[in-house]
Amino acid sequence: MAWPKGKGRRAAGSGRKKGVQNHLTTALKDLILQALANAGGVDYLTQQAKDNPGVFLTLVGKVLPLQVKQDGAEPRLPAAVNHIHEHVDS
């Protein structure tokens, strides 16, 4: 069955541009970041890494993907993880 003319059709390319997030997703991320800032930011995350390492590492695994070297060597963690590790050890 063919679509009725003028109904239910959009011009090709008229949707959201590739890579542009939904406004609700963007607003939710902003709220989460504001709550993190209110809770203490880096100091709060550092304390959570010490108090709840399993939960903290789950968060790290979701937000910091592994970076794979181009030469086929073992995957390595981003520098940000090493930075976090330094804060947790201190």
Protein backbone atom coordinates (compact mmCIF):
# COMPACT_ATOMS: atom_id res chain seq x y z
CA MET A 1 0.00 0.00 0.00
CA ALA A 2 1.39 3.41 -0.91
CA TRP A 3 1.56 6.29 1.53
CA PRO A 4 -1.13 8.92 1.07
CA LYS A 5 0.24 12.08 -0.47
CA GLY A 6 1.15 14.73 2.06
CA LYS A 7 0.59 12.54 5.10
CA GLY A 8 3.23 10.64 7.07
CA ARG A 9 6.06 11.58 4.78
CA ARG A 10 9.10 13.69 5.46
CA ALA A 11 11.59 15.04 3.03
CA ALA A 12 14.83 13.05 2.96
CA GLY A 13 17.29 14.47 5.48
CA SER A 14 14.67 16.46 7.38
CA GLY A 15 15.25 14.60 10.65
CA ARG A 16 17.75 15.30 13.41
CA LYS A 17 21.29 15.71 12.16
CA LYS A 18 23.65 12.82 12.82
CA GLY A 19 25.31 13.11 16.25
CA VAL A 20 22.86 15.67 17.65
CA GLN A 21 21.40 14.49 20.93
CA ASN A 22 17.78 14.53 21.92
CA HIS A 23 16.94 17.65 23.99
CA LEU A 24 15.70 15.50 26.88
CA THR A 25 18.99 13.54 26.94
CA THR A 26 20.99 16.77 26.96
CA ALA A 27 18.85 18.26 29.75
CA LEU A 28 19.16 15.08 31.84
CA LYS A 29 22.96 15.07 31.47
CA ASP A 30 23.05 18.72 32.54
CA LEU A 31 21.01 17.88 35.65
CA ILE A 32 23.30 14.98 36.55
CA LEU A 33 26.41 17.13 36.11
CA GLN A 34 24.88 19.89 38.26
CA ALA A 35 24.04 17.35 40.99
CA LEU A 36 27.63 16.07 40.83
CA ALA A 37 28.95 19.60 41.17
CA ASN A 38 26.65 20.23 44.16
CA ALA A 39 27.83 16.99 45.80
CA GLY A 40 31.48 18.02 45.59
CA GLY A 41 32.61 17.15 42.07
CA VAL A 42 36.03 15.50 41.91
CA ASP A 43 36.31 15.23 45.70
CA TYR A 44 32.95 13.43 45.84
CA LEU A 45 33.92 11.01 43.05
CA THR A 46 37.26 10.35 44.72
CA GLN A 47 35.51 9.50 47.98
CA GLN A 48 33.08 7.22 46.12
CA ALA A 49 36.02 5.45 44.49
CA LYS A 50 37.37 4.69 47.97
CA ASP A 51 34.04 3.84 49.64
CA ASN A 52 32.35 2.02 46.75
CA PRO A 53 35.04 0.85 44.33
CA GLY A 54 32.82 -1.66 42.51
CA VAL A 55 30.12 0.89 41.74
CA PHE A 56 32.72 3.51 40.86
CA LEU A 57 34.51 1.18 38.44
CA THR A 58 31.17 0.35 36.82
CA LEU A 59 30.72 4.07 36.21
CA VAL A 60 34.26 4.34 34.82
CA GLY A 61 33.59 1.41 32.51
CA LYS A 62 30.51 3.15 31.12
CA VAL A 63 32.00 6.58 30.55
CA LEU A 64 35.62 5.84 29.64
CA PRO A 65 35.93 3.26 26.87
CA LEU A 66 39.21 1.46 26.32
CA GLN A 67 41.51 3.04 23.79
CA VAL A 68 43.16 0.49 21.54
CA LYS A 69 46.63 1.17 20.19
CA GLN A 70 46.86 1.18 16.40
CA ASP A 71 49.85 -1.19 16.33
CA GLY A 72 47.73 -4.06 17.64
CA ALA A 73 49.21 -3.96 21.17
CA GLU A 74 47.15 -4.59 24.28
CA PRO A 75 44.30 -2.15 25.02
CA ARG A 76 45.26 0.59 27.45
CA LEU A 77 43.29 2.79 29.76
CA PRO A 78 42.96 6.48 28.95
CA ALA A 79 45.15 8.93 30.88
CA ALA A 80 42.07 10.07 32.81
CA VAL A 81 41.88 6.69 34.56
CA ASN A 82 45.50 6.99 35.66
CA HIS A 83 44.67 10.45 37.00
CA ILE A 84 41.76 9.01 39.00
CA HIS A 85 43.99 6.22 40.29
CA GLU A 86 46.47 8.81 41.59
CA HIS A 87 43.69 10.61 43.50
CA VAL A 88 42.35 7.38 45.01
CA ASP A 89 45.79 6.31 46.24
CA SER A 90 46.43 9.64 47.94
